[in-house]
Amino acid sequence: MHQNVTITRRTLLAATAMITLAVAGPAVAQDKPLAGKVVGVTVIGTDHHWDLMAYQGQIDQLEELGAEVIALDAGRNDQTQISQIQTLIAQQPDAIIEQLGNLDVLNPWLERITQAGIPLFTVDTATPFAINNTTSNNYNIGAELALQIVQDMGGAGKVAVFNGFYSVPVCKIRYDQLMYVLQSFPSIEVIQPELRDVIPNTVQQAYSDATDILTQYGPDSGLKAFWACWDVPMMGATQAIEAAGRTDVRTYGVDGSPEYVEMVANPDSQAGAVAAQQPYEIGKQAALNVAAYLTGQPVPPFSFVPAVLINKENAGELAADFLPKQ
């Protein structure tokens, strides 16, 4: 079984290598290339650490480059974000950066931005209407985390999956990569029905849902893992596992929220691994792409900012930069 894991890992890494791009920020010829420019920033919400850091990275870098920034936080409400996009279109800024959200809801409005002649850039939103999307390589993240789960499970057992945000592009990619990897391991079963993570009250609801699953699937059931496309629900699931006294089940998530990284780094915690991103750098890179475009330089369709997989074995070496700041 371990040999099969190695072969699959090589195959997936070879495939994802073709779409992995190093972050090479476009060269900016002057200190304040955006002086006199107005840039709108619209984000679905900033209550999550990743979202806030990416949002702040955009604002800080845009202002450093000389732009006037119109920054709008929708407070995790789709209709509010649509209203704010309408407001930005009416103000005719020199460019707009949109971050995350429900693509099914957003796409018609992102198209309207381009129809209004406003250059659109996105953060973690893959849409045909953006000049550039700055993100992590979520194909690689999804595959690497899935392979870590398979490795820790020994290639057999049951996984409980939280899947409440499939319409968010990065969650779709990570979920699809998980399922793609698990196809090669028929002795691993995804528990049905899948769980649904929520916003707000994410940790509390995940704790409750995980407790129910742990009650239904006892120590002899083969349950070995919980997965989510982000790491906030895994905080609640980890707490539930530990409250139940279970040492046979671990959790796995994505983003690198400091509190969850701290759990992974704790050898006594049931948090198994996290794909830790660099959201502040992602936000800065999006701003640099805007500056490059508005000064006539070529900009690629995607900018991938590296992420790092932190697990029980390497946390002592890799976790420090992601832990809560004292």
C-alpha atoms as a PDB file:
ATOM      1  CA  MET A   1       0.000   0.000   0.000  1.00  0.00           C
ATOM      2  CA  HIS A   2       2.828   2.427   0.790  1.00  0.00           C
ATOM      3  CA  GLN A   3       4.348   1.688  -2.603  1.00  0.00           C
ATOM      4  CA  ASN A   4       1.043   2.593  -4.262  1.00  0.00           C
ATOM      5  CA  VAL A   5       0.999   5.883  -2.381  1.00  0.00           C
ATOM      6  CA  THR A   6       4.475   6.705  -3.704  1.00  0.00           C
ATOM      7  CA  ILE A   7       3.571   5.920  -7.299  1.00  0.00           C
ATOM      8  CA  THR A   8       0.386   7.987  -7.140  1.00  0.00           C
ATOM      9  CA  ARG A   9       2.268  10.856  -5.543  1.00  0.00           C
ATOM     10  CA  ARG A  10       4.835  10.912  -8.352  1.00  0.00           C
ATOM     11  CA  THR A  11       2.108  10.809 -10.984  1.00  0.00           C
ATOM     12  CA  LEU A  12       0.161  13.660  -9.437  1.00  0.00           C
ATOM     13  CA  LEU A  13       3.217  15.814  -8.861  1.00  0.00           C
ATOM     14  CA  ALA A  14       4.273  15.322 -12.459  1.00  0.00           C
ATOM     15  CA  ALA A  15       0.838  16.407 -13.610  1.00  0.00           C
ATOM     16  CA  THR A  16       0.592  19.427 -11.333  1.00  0.00           C
ATOM     17  CA  ALA A  17       4.137  20.547 -12.172  1.00  0.00           C
ATOM     18  CA  MET A  18       2.886  21.648 -15.575  1.00  0.00           C
ATOM     19  CA  ILE A  19       0.557  24.229 -14.038  1.00  0.00           C
ATOM     20  CA  THR A  20       2.789  25.384 -11.176  1.00  0.00           C
ATOM     21  CA  LEU A  21       4.159  28.869 -11.791  1.00  0.00           C
ATOM     22  CA  ALA A  22       6.754  30.575  -9.653  1.00  0.00           C
ATOM     23  CA  VAL A  23       5.666  33.953  -8.349  1.00  0.00           C
ATOM     24  CA  ALA A  24       7.566  36.551 -10.278  1.00  0.00           C
ATOM     25  CA  GLY A  25       6.107  39.932  -9.496  1.00  0.00           C
ATOM     26  CA  PRO A  26       6.071  42.150 -12.589  1.00  0.00           C
ATOM     27  CA  ALA A  27       8.829  44.707 -12.374  1.00  0.00           C
ATOM     28  CA  VAL A  28       7.529  48.149 -11.448  1.00  0.00           C
ATOM     29  CA  ALA A  29       9.587  50.865 -13.080  1.00  0.00           C
ATOM     30  CA  GLN A  30       8.817  53.656 -10.618  1.00  0.00           C
ATOM     31  CA  ASP A  31       8.237  54.004  -6.881  1.00  0.00           C
ATOM     32  CA  LYS A  32       4.625  55.207  -7.160  1.00  0.00           C
ATOM     33  CA  PRO A  33       3.325  53.738 -10.428  1.00  0.00           C
ATOM     34  CA  LEU A  34      -0.291  54.021  -9.241  1.00  0.00           C
ATOM     35  CA  ALA A  35      -0.123  57.682  -8.214  1.00  0.00           C
ATOM     36  CA  GLY A  36      -3.336  59.337  -9.369  1.00  0.00           C
ATOM     37  CA  LYS A  37      -5.048  55.958  -9.893  1.00  0.00           C
ATOM     38  CA  VAL A  38      -8.101  54.687  -8.042  1.00  0.00           C
ATOM     39  CA  VAL A  39      -8.436  50.948  -7.365  1.00  0.00           C
ATOM     40  CA  GLY A  40     -11.514  49.273  -5.927  1.00  0.00           C
ATOM     41  CA  VAL A  41     -11.218  46.204  -3.688  1.00  0.00           C
ATOM     42  CA  THR A  42     -14.288  44.062  -2.989  1.00  0.00           C
ATOM     43  CA  VAL A  43     -14.167  41.077  -0.626  1.00  0.00           C
ATOM     44  CA  ILE A  44     -16.955  38.753   0.476  1.00  0.00           C
ATOM     45  CA  GLY A  45     -15.797  38.929   4.121  1.00  0.00           C
ATOM     46  CA  THR A  46     -12.850  39.396   6.472  1.00  0.00           C
ATOM     47  CA  ASP A  47     -13.946  37.407   9.523  1.00  0.00           C
ATOM     48  CA  HIS A  48     -11.582  34.571   8.605  1.00  0.00           C
ATOM     49  CA  HIS A  49      -7.815  35.019   9.097  1.00  0.00           C
ATOM     50  CA  TRP A  50      -6.978  34.147   5.474  1.00  0.00           C
ATOM     51  CA  ASP A  51      -9.535  36.570   4.065  1.00  0.00           C
ATOM     52  CA  LEU A  52      -8.436  39.426   6.295  1.00  0.00           C
ATOM     53  CA  MET A  53      -4.736  38.989   5.554  1.00  0.00           C
ATOM     54  CA  ALA A  54      -5.235  38.806   1.768  1.00  0.00           C
ATOM     55  CA  TYR A  55      -7.512  41.861   1.887  1.00  0.00           C
ATOM     56  CA  GLN A  56      -4.999  43.822   3.955  1.00  0.00           C
ATOM     57  CA  GLY A  57      -2.152  42.777   1.679  1.00  0.00           C
ATOM     58  CA  GLN A  58      -3.979  44.296  -1.286  1.00  0.00           C
ATOM     59  CA  ILE A  59      -4.733  47.549   0.485  1.00  0.00           C
ATOM     60  CA  ASP A  60      -1.227  47.977   1.913  1.00  0.00           C
ATOM     61  CA  GLN A  61       0.515  47.280  -1.375  1.00  0.00           C
ATOM     62  CA  LEU A  62      -1.840  49.429  -3.456  1.00  0.00           C
ATOM     63  CA  GLU A  63      -1.349  52.368  -1.097  1.00  0.00           C
ATOM     64  CA  GLU A  64       2.409  51.835  -1.097  1.00  0.00           C
ATOM     65  CA  LEU A  65       2.308  52.029  -4.898  1.00  0.00           C
ATOM     66  CA  GLY A  66       0.458  55.344  -4.679  1.00  0.00           C
ATOM     67  CA  ALA A  67      -3.134  54.339  -5.405  1.00  0.00           C
ATOM     68  CA  GLU A  68      -6.272  55.677  -3.801  1.00  0.00           C
ATOM     69  CA  VAL A  69      -8.076  52.551  -2.556  1.00  0.00           C
ATOM     70  CA  ILE A  70     -11.835  52.072  -2.270  1.00  0.00           C
ATOM     71  CA  ALA A  71     -11.995  48.983  -0.035  1.00  0.00           C
ATOM     72  CA  LEU A  72     -15.383  47.324   0.546  1.00  0.00           C
ATOM     73  CA  ASP A  73     -16.081  44.360   2.865  1.00  0.00           C
ATOM     74  CA  ALA A  74     -19.418  42.615   2.225  1.00  0.00           C
ATOM     75  CA  GLY A  75     -19.614  41.043   5.670  1.00  0.00           C
ATOM     76  CA  ARG A  76     -20.127  37.549   4.227  1.00  0.00           C
ATOM     77  CA  ASN A  77     -23.323  38.543   2.400  1.00  0.00           C
ATOM     78  CA  ASP A  78     -23.648  37.797  -1.332  1.00  0.00           C
ATOM     79  CA  GLN A  79     -26.202  40.509  -1.991  1.00  0.00           C
ATOM     80  CA  THR A  80     -24.110  43.081  -0.151  1.00  0.00           C
ATOM     81  CA  GLN A  81     -21.121  42.237  -2.312  1.00  0.00           C
ATOM     82  CA  ILE A  82     -23.219  42.598  -5.473  1.00  0.00           C
ATOM     83  CA  SER A  83     -24.409  46.004  -4.256  1.00  0.00           C
ATOM     84  CA  GLN A  84     -20.832  47.029  -3.534  1.00  0.00           C
ATOM     85  CA  ILE A  85     -19.718  45.886  -6.999  1.00  0.00           C
ATOM     86  CA  GLN A  86     -22.476  48.040  -8.491  1.00  0.00           C
ATOM     87  CA  THR A  87     -21.182  50.973  -6.452  1.00  0.00           C
ATOM     88  CA  LEU A  88     -17.640  50.392  -7.701  1.00  0.00           C
ATOM     89  CA  ILE A  89     -18.776  50.188 -11.327  1.00  0.00           C
ATOM     90  CA  ALA A  90     -20.588  53.501 -10.937  1.00  0.00           C
ATOM     91  CA  GLN A  91     -17.413  55.099  -9.557  1.00  0.00           C
ATOM     92  CA  GLN A  92     -15.365  53.949 -12.576  1.00  0.00           C
ATOM     93  CA  PRO A  93     -12.059  53.192 -10.826  1.00  0.00           C
ATOM     94  CA  ASP A  94      -8.965  52.416 -12.867  1.00  0.00           C
ATOM     95  CA  ALA A  95      -9.139  48.756 -11.793  1.00  0.00           C
ATOM     96  CA  ILE A  96     -11.052  46.441  -9.443  1.00  0.00           C
ATOM     97  CA  ILE A  97      -9.773  43.493  -7.399  1.00  0.00           C
ATOM     98  CA  GLU A  98     -12.416  40.962  -6.297  1.00  0.00           C
ATOM     99  CA  GLN A  99     -11.658  38.402  -3.569  1.00  0.00           C
ATOM    100  CA  LEU A 100     -13.484  35.093  -3.030  1.00  0.00           C
ATOM    101  CA  GLY A 101     -17.264  34.617  -2.906  1.00  0.00           C
ATOM    102  CA  ASN A 102     -19.885  32.436  -4.597  1.00  0.00           C
ATOM    103  CA  LEU A 103     -18.957  32.249  -8.277  1.00  0.00           C
ATOM    104  CA  ASP A 104     -22.497  31.312  -9.330  1.00  0.00           C
ATOM    105  CA  VAL A 105     -23.677  34.625  -7.874  1.00  0.00           C
ATOM    106  CA  LEU A 106     -20.642  36.697  -8.822  1.00  0.00           C
ATOM    107  CA  ASN A 107     -19.971  35.826 -12.447  1.00  0.00           C
ATOM    108  CA  PRO A 108     -22.715  37.967 -14.046  1.00  0.00           C
ATOM    109  CA  TRP A 109     -21.480  40.959 -12.051  1.00  0.00           C
ATOM    110  CA  LEU A 110     -17.845  40.292 -12.804  1.00  0.00           C
ATOM    111  CA  GLU A 111     -18.807  40.305 -16.470  1.00  0.00           C
ATOM    112  CA  ARG A 112     -20.473  43.680 -15.975  1.00  0.00           C
ATOM    113  CA  ILE A 113     -17.222  45.056 -14.592  1.00  0.00           C
ATOM    114  CA  THR A 114     -15.453  44.130 -17.814  1.00  0.00           C
ATOM    115  CA  GLN A 115     -18.360  45.399 -19.925  1.00  0.00           C
ATOM    116  CA  ALA A 116     -17.933  48.750 -18.177  1.00  0.00           C
ATOM    117  CA  GLY A 117     -14.334  48.829 -19.413  1.00  0.00           C
ATOM    118  CA  ILE A 118     -12.809  48.396 -15.949  1.00  0.00           C
ATOM    119  CA  PRO A 119      -9.835  45.989 -15.704  1.00  0.00           C
ATOM    120  CA  LEU A 120     -10.764  43.165 -13.322  1.00  0.00           C
ATOM    121  CA  PHE A 121      -8.291  41.246 -11.168  1.00  0.00           C
ATOM    122  CA  THR A 122      -9.238  38.528  -8.688  1.00  0.00           C
ATOM    123  CA  VAL A 123      -7.897  36.810  -5.585  1.00  0.00           C
ATOM    124  CA  ASP A 124      -8.892  33.140  -5.264  1.00  0.00           C
ATOM    125  CA  THR A 125     -11.651  33.577  -7.866  1.00  0.00           C
ATOM    126  CA  ALA A 126     -11.096  31.749 -11.153  1.00  0.00           C
ATOM    127  CA  THR A 127     -13.328  33.483 -13.698  1.00  0.00           C
ATOM    128  CA  PRO A 128     -12.964  34.092 -17.443  1.00  0.00           C
ATOM    129  CA  PHE A 129     -13.626  37.797 -16.876  1.00  0.00           C
ATOM    130  CA  ALA A 130     -10.448  38.471 -14.868  1.00  0.00           C
ATOM    131  CA  ILE A 131      -7.191  39.593 -16.413  1.00  0.00           C
ATOM    132  CA  ASN A 132      -5.359  37.770 -13.637  1.00  0.00           C
ATOM    133  CA  ASN A 133      -6.255  35.547 -10.683  1.00  0.00           C
ATOM    134  CA  THR A 134      -3.735  35.506  -7.831  1.00  0.00           C
ATOM    135  CA  THR A 135      -3.998  32.400  -5.690  1.00  0.00           C
ATOM    136  CA  SER A 136      -2.179  29.348  -4.398  1.00  0.00           C
ATOM    137  CA  ASN A 137      -1.818  26.291  -6.610  1.00  0.00           C
ATOM    138  CA  ASN A 138      -4.975  24.678  -5.279  1.00  0.00           C
ATOM    139  CA  TYR A 139      -4.583  21.639  -7.529  1.00  0.00           C
ATOM    140  CA  ASN A 140      -1.319  20.856  -5.817  1.00  0.00           C
ATOM    141  CA  ILE A 141      -2.679  21.749  -2.373  1.00  0.00           C
ATOM    142  CA  GLY A 142      -5.668  19.440  -2.814  1.00  0.00           C
ATOM    143  CA  ALA A 143      -3.574  16.512  -4.054  1.00  0.00           C
ATOM    144  CA  GLU A 144      -0.807  16.895  -1.473  1.00  0.00           C
ATOM    145  CA  LEU A 145      -3.233  17.074   1.458  1.00  0.00           C
ATOM    146  CA  ALA A 146      -5.179  14.082   0.123  1.00  0.00           C
ATOM    147  CA  LEU A 147      -1.977  12.056  -0.182  1.00  0.00           C
ATOM    148  CA  GLN A 148      -1.076  12.990   3.393  1.00  0.00           C
ATOM    149  CA  ILE A 149      -4.453  11.652   4.544  1.00  0.00           C
ATOM    150  CA  VAL A 150      -3.955   8.412   2.607  1.00  0.00           C
ATOM    151  CA  GLN A 151      -0.486   8.031   4.089  1.00  0.00           C
ATOM    152  CA  ASP A 152      -1.683   8.608   7.659  1.00  0.00           C
ATOM    153  CA  MET A 153      -4.633   6.220   7.167  1.00  0.00           C
ATOM    154  CA  GLY A 154      -2.432   3.467   5.792  1.00  0.00           C
ATOM    155  CA  GLY A 155      -4.566   3.450   2.656  1.00  0.00           C
ATOM    156  CA  ALA A 156      -7.741   2.166   4.342  1.00  0.00           C
ATOM    157  CA  GLY A 157     -10.583   3.432   6.511  1.00  0.00           C
ATOM    158  CA  LYS A 158     -13.319   6.055   6.538  1.00  0.00           C
ATOM    159  CA  VAL A 159     -13.150   9.828   5.969  1.00  0.00           C
ATOM    160  CA  ALA A 160     -15.791  12.360   7.016  1.00  0.00           C
ATOM    161  CA  VAL A 161     -15.829  15.274   4.552  1.00  0.00           C
ATOM    162  CA  PHE A 162     -17.172  18.781   5.102  1.00  0.00           C
ATOM    163  CA  ASN A 163     -18.415  20.086   1.734  1.00  0.00           C
ATOM    164  CA  GLY A 164     -20.510  23.208   2.201  1.00  0.00           C
ATOM    165  CA  PHE A 165     -18.809  25.596  -0.248  1.00  0.00           C
ATOM    166  CA  TYR A 166     -18.408  23.742  -3.522  1.00  0.00           C
ATOM    167  CA  SER A 167     -19.476  26.868  -5.447  1.00  0.00           C
ATOM    168  CA  VAL A 168     -16.345  28.664  -4.185  1.00  0.00           C
ATOM    169  CA  PRO A 169     -13.743  27.874  -6.891  1.00  0.00           C
ATOM    170  CA  VAL A 170     -10.836  27.030  -4.584  1.00  0.00           C
ATOM    171  CA  CYS A 171     -13.003  24.697  -2.506  1.00  0.00           C
ATOM    172  CA  LYS A 172     -14.228  22.963  -5.645  1.00  0.00           C
ATOM    173  CA  ILE A 173     -10.655  22.369  -6.802  1.00  0.00           C
ATOM    174  CA  ARG A 174      -9.485  21.045  -3.439  1.00  0.00           C
ATOM    175  CA  TYR A 175     -12.520  18.761  -3.069  1.00  0.00           C
ATOM    176  CA  ASP A 176     -12.177  17.437  -6.620  1.00  0.00           C
ATOM    177  CA  GLN A 177      -8.476  16.718  -6.055  1.00  0.00           C
ATOM    178  CA  LEU A 178      -9.293  14.871  -2.833  1.00  0.00           C
ATOM    179  CA  MET A 179     -11.806  12.691  -4.650  1.00  0.00           C
ATOM    180  CA  TYR A 180      -9.415  12.129  -7.552  1.00  0.00           C
ATOM    181  CA  VAL A 181      -6.709  10.835  -5.224  1.00  0.00           C
ATOM    182  CA  LEU A 182      -9.107   8.656  -3.231  1.00  0.00           C
ATOM    183  CA  GLN A 183     -10.249   6.911  -6.424  1.00  0.00           C
ATOM    184  CA  SER A 184      -6.913   5.106  -6.395  1.00  0.00           C
ATOM    185  CA  PHE A 185      -7.553   3.733  -2.893  1.00  0.00           C
ATOM    186  CA  PRO A 186     -10.753   1.655  -2.919  1.00  0.00           C
ATOM    187  CA  SER A 187     -10.247   0.678   0.723  1.00  0.00           C
ATOM    188  CA  ILE A 188     -10.920   4.289   1.730  1.00  0.00           C
ATOM    189  CA  GLU A 189     -14.596   5.225   2.073  1.00  0.00           C
ATOM    190  CA  VAL A 190     -16.054   8.745   2.211  1.00  0.00           C
ATOM    191  CA  ILE A 191     -18.920   8.765   4.694  1.00  0.00           C
ATOM    192  CA  GLN A 192     -22.291   9.716   3.219  1.00  0.00           C
ATOM    193  CA  PRO A 193     -24.056  12.026   3.467  1.00  0.00           C
ATOM    194  CA  GLU A 194     -21.240  14.559   3.531  1.00  0.00           C
ATOM    195  CA  LEU A 195     -21.191  17.210   6.235  1.00  0.00           C
ATOM    196  CA  ARG A 196     -21.797  20.898   5.468  1.00  0.00           C
ATOM    197  CA  ASP A 197     -19.541  23.539   6.954  1.00  0.00           C
ATOM    198  CA  VAL A 198     -21.194  26.898   7.602  1.00  0.00           C
ATOM    199  CA  ILE A 199     -20.449  30.587   8.156  1.00  0.00           C
ATOM    200  CA  PRO A 200     -20.846  32.000  10.813  1.00  0.00           C
ATOM    201  CA  ASN A 201     -20.564  29.719  13.875  1.00  0.00           C
ATOM    202  CA  THR A 202     -18.169  27.528  11.922  1.00  0.00           C
ATOM    203  CA  VAL A 203     -16.237  26.058  14.845  1.00  0.00           C
ATOM    204  CA  GLN A 204     -19.308  25.411  16.969  1.00  0.00           C
ATOM    205  CA  GLN A 205     -21.246  23.702  14.172  1.00  0.00           C
ATOM    206  CA  ALA A 206     -18.258  21.596  13.160  1.00  0.00           C
ATOM    207  CA  TYR A 207     -17.821  20.524  16.777  1.00  0.00           C
ATOM    208  CA  SER A 208     -21.467  19.427  16.896  1.00  0.00           C
ATOM    209  CA  ASP A 209     -21.354  17.640  13.540  1.00  0.00           C
ATOM    210  CA  ALA A 210     -18.071  15.905  14.332  1.00  0.00           C
ATOM    211  CA  THR A 211     -19.437  14.787  17.708  1.00  0.00           C
ATOM    212  CA  ASP A 212     -22.407  13.176  15.957  1.00  0.00           C
ATOM    213  CA  ILE A 213     -20.120  11.357  13.508  1.00  0.00           C
ATOM    214  CA  LEU A 214     -17.842  10.159  16.307  1.00  0.00           C
ATOM    215  CA  THR A 215     -20.861   8.800  18.171  1.00  0.00           C
ATOM    216  CA  GLN A 216     -22.122   7.023  15.072  1.00  0.00           C
ATOM    217  CA  TYR A 217     -18.690   5.680  14.101  1.00  0.00           C
ATOM    218  CA  GLY A 218     -16.961   4.324  17.186  1.00  0.00           C
ATOM    219  CA  PRO A 219     -13.330   3.259  17.650  1.00  0.00           C
ATOM    220  CA  ASP A 220     -13.876  -0.017  15.746  1.00  0.00           C
ATOM    221  CA  SER A 221     -15.647   1.574  12.750  1.00  0.00           C
ATOM    222  CA  GLY A 222     -12.569   2.478  10.715  1.00  0.00           C
ATOM    223  CA  LEU A 223     -13.196   6.239  10.946  1.00  0.00           C
ATOM    224  CA  LYS A 224      -9.753   7.852  10.724  1.00  0.00           C
ATOM    225  CA  ALA A 225     -10.049  11.358   9.294  1.00  0.00           C
ATOM    226  CA  PHE A 226     -12.056  14.557   8.915  1.00  0.00           C
ATOM    227  CA  TRP A 227     -11.385  16.862   5.922  1.00  0.00           C
ATOM    228  CA  ALA A 228     -12.506  20.367   4.931  1.00  0.00           C
ATOM    229  CA  CYS A 229     -11.424  22.735   2.157  1.00  0.00           C
ATOM    230  CA  TRP A 230     -10.385  25.268   4.824  1.00  0.00           C
ATOM    231  CA  ASP A 231      -9.164  24.864   8.367  1.00  0.00           C
ATOM    232  CA  VAL A 232     -11.604  26.740  10.603  1.00  0.00           C
ATOM    233  CA  PRO A 233     -14.127  23.852  10.769  1.00  0.00           C
ATOM    234  CA  MET A 234     -11.231  21.517  11.536  1.00  0.00           C
ATOM    235  CA  MET A 235     -10.643  23.428  14.757  1.00  0.00           C
ATOM    236  CA  GLY A 236     -14.099  22.399  15.938  1.00  0.00           C
ATOM    237  CA  ALA A 237     -13.693  18.841  14.658  1.00  0.00           C
ATOM    238  CA  THR A 238     -10.334  18.511  16.425  1.00  0.00           C
ATOM    239  CA  GLN A 239     -11.851  19.738  19.674  1.00  0.00           C
ATOM    240  CA  ALA A 240     -14.666  17.194  19.328  1.00  0.00           C
ATOM    241  CA  ILE A 241     -12.233  14.323  18.688  1.00  0.00           C
ATOM    242  CA  GLU A 242     -10.180  15.232  21.726  1.00  0.00           C
ATOM    243  CA  ALA A 243     -13.266  15.709  23.900  1.00  0.00           C
ATOM    244  CA  ALA A 244     -14.342  12.184  22.922  1.00  0.00           C
ATOM    245  CA  GLY A 245     -10.926  10.824  23.890  1.00  0.00           C
ATOM    246  CA  ARG A 246     -10.346   9.462  20.390  1.00  0.00           C
ATOM    247  CA  THR A 247      -6.732   8.997  19.290  1.00  0.00           C
ATOM    248  CA  ASP A 248      -7.632   7.058  16.141  1.00  0.00           C
ATOM    249  CA  VAL A 249      -8.980  10.059  14.182  1.00  0.00           C
ATOM    250  CA  ARG A 250      -7.168  13.112  12.789  1.00  0.00           C
ATOM    251  CA  THR A 251      -8.248  16.293  11.008  1.00  0.00           C
ATOM    252  CA  TYR A 252      -6.946  17.914   7.815  1.00  0.00           C
ATOM    253  CA  GLY A 253      -7.553  21.387   6.393  1.00  0.00           C
ATOM    254  CA  VAL A 254      -6.264  24.216   4.238  1.00  0.00           C
ATOM    255  CA  ASP A 255      -5.229  27.850   4.789  1.00  0.00           C
ATOM    256  CA  GLY A 256      -2.849  28.043   7.727  1.00  0.00           C
ATOM    257  CA  SER A 257      -4.948  29.844  10.320  1.00  0.00           C
ATOM    258  CA  PRO A 258      -2.544  30.386  13.236  1.00  0.00           C
ATOM    259  CA  GLU A 259      -4.754  28.565  15.737  1.00  0.00           C
ATOM    260  CA  TYR A 260      -4.990  25.469  13.552  1.00  0.00           C
ATOM    261  CA  VAL A 261      -1.284  25.460  12.714  1.00  0.00           C
ATOM    262  CA  GLU A 262      -0.691  25.526  16.470  1.00  0.00           C
ATOM    263  CA  MET A 263      -2.862  22.415  16.797  1.00  0.00           C
ATOM    264  CA  VAL A 264      -0.938  20.605  14.055  1.00  0.00           C
ATOM    265  CA  ALA A 265       2.354  21.550  15.720  1.00  0.00           C
ATOM    266  CA  ASN A 266       1.151  20.161  19.066  1.00  0.00           C
ATOM    267  CA  PRO A 267       2.130  16.462  19.219  1.00  0.00           C
ATOM    268  CA  ASP A 268      -0.759  15.801  21.605  1.00  0.00           C
ATOM    269  CA  SER A 269      -3.391  17.257  19.249  1.00  0.00           C
ATOM    270  CA  GLN A 270      -5.410  15.227  16.724  1.00  0.00           C
ATOM    271  CA  ALA A 271      -4.907  17.888  14.030  1.00  0.00           C
ATOM    272  CA  GLY A 272      -3.006  15.943  11.382  1.00  0.00           C
ATOM    273  CA  ALA A 273      -1.887  18.380   8.685  1.00  0.00           C
ATOM    274  CA  VAL A 274      -2.613  21.747   7.109  1.00  0.00           C
ATOM    275  CA  ALA A 275      -1.775  23.204   3.730  1.00  0.00           C
ATOM    276  CA  ALA A 276      -0.619  26.640   4.881  1.00  0.00           C
ATOM    277  CA  GLN A 277      -0.944  29.499   2.413  1.00  0.00           C
ATOM    278  CA  GLN A 278       0.537  33.007   2.408  1.00  0.00           C
ATOM    279  CA  PRO A 279      -2.566  35.215   2.124  1.00  0.00           C
ATOM    280  CA  TYR A 280      -0.833  38.537   2.773  1.00  0.00           C
ATOM    281  CA  GLU A 281       1.638  37.799  -0.024  1.00  0.00           C
ATOM    282  CA  ILE A 282      -1.235  36.758  -2.284  1.00  0.00           C
ATOM    283  CA  GLY A 283      -2.900  40.121  -1.687  1.00  0.00           C
ATOM    284  CA  LYS A 284       0.327  42.010  -2.367  1.00  0.00           C
ATOM    285  CA  GLN A 285       0.896  40.056  -5.573  1.00  0.00           C
ATOM    286  CA  ALA A 286      -2.579  40.967  -6.845  1.00  0.00           C
ATOM    287  CA  ALA A 287      -1.789  44.644  -6.260  1.00  0.00           C
ATOM    288  CA  LEU A 288       1.531  44.310  -8.098  1.00  0.00           C
ATOM    289  CA  ASN A 289      -0.312  42.755 -11.028  1.00  0.00           C
ATOM    290  CA  VAL A 290      -2.651  45.755 -11.155  1.00  0.00           C
ATOM    291  CA  ALA A 291       0.341  48.113 -11.164  1.00  0.00           C
ATOM    292  CA  ALA A 292       2.022  46.164 -13.938  1.00  0.00           C
ATOM    293  CA  TYR A 293      -1.095  46.160 -16.102  1.00  0.00           C
ATOM    294  CA  LEU A 294      -1.850  49.849 -15.629  1.00  0.00           C
ATOM    295  CA  THR A 295       1.733  50.724 -16.594  1.00  0.00           C
ATOM    296  CA  GLY A 296       1.538  48.734 -19.809  1.00  0.00           C
ATOM    297  CA  GLN A 297       3.374  45.577 -18.770  1.00  0.00           C
ATOM    298  CA  PRO A 298       2.253  42.019 -19.584  1.00  0.00           C
ATOM    299  CA  VAL A 299       0.459  40.150 -16.818  1.00  0.00           C
ATOM    300  CA  PRO A 300      -0.065  36.353 -16.775  1.00  0.00           C
ATOM    301  CA  PRO A 301      -3.573  34.926 -16.359  1.00  0.00           C
ATOM    302  CA  PHE A 302      -2.575  33.280 -13.063  1.00  0.00           C
ATOM    303  CA  SER A 303      -0.070  34.111 -10.322  1.00  0.00           C
ATOM    304  CA  PHE A 304       0.561  31.200  -7.957  1.00  0.00           C
ATOM    305  CA  VAL A 305       1.989  32.022  -4.522  1.00  0.00           C
ATOM    306  CA  PRO A 306       3.671  29.017  -2.853  1.00  0.00           C
ATOM    307  CA  ALA A 307       2.017  27.140   0.022  1.00  0.00           C
ATOM    308  CA  VAL A 308       3.598  24.640   2.422  1.00  0.00           C
ATOM    309  CA  LEU A 309       2.187  21.375   3.782  1.00  0.00           C
ATOM    310  CA  ILE A 310       2.713  21.259   7.546  1.00  0.00           C
ATOM    311  CA  ASN A 311       2.288  17.865   9.220  1.00  0.00           C
ATOM    312  CA  LYS A 312       3.236  16.172  12.478  1.00  0.00           C
ATOM    313  CA  GLU A 313       6.669  15.234  11.178  1.00  0.00           C
ATOM    314  CA  ASN A 314       7.797  18.614   9.830  1.00  0.00           C
ATOM    315  CA  ALA A 315       5.905  21.066  12.075  1.00  0.00           C
ATOM    316  CA  GLY A 316       8.971  21.695  14.233  1.00  0.00           C
ATOM    317  CA  GLU A 317      10.783  22.969  11.167  1.00  0.00           C
ATOM    318  CA  LEU A 318       8.004  24.648   9.153  1.00  0.00           C
ATOM    319  CA  ALA A 319       5.280  25.876  11.515  1.00  0.00           C
ATOM    320  CA  ALA A 320       7.037  28.826  13.164  1.00  0.00           C
ATOM    321  CA  ASP A 321       6.159  31.435  10.531  1.00  0.00           C
ATOM    322  CA  PHE A 322       2.466  30.520  10.709  1.00  0.00           C
ATOM    323  CA  LEU A 323       1.953  30.302  14.473  1.00  0.00           C
ATOM    324  CA  PRO A 324       0.045  32.984  16.433  1.00  0.00           C
ATOM    325  CA  LYS A 325       2.102  36.120  16.932  1.00  0.00           C
ATOM    326  CA  GLN A 326       2.949  36.861  20.554  1.00  0.00           C
END
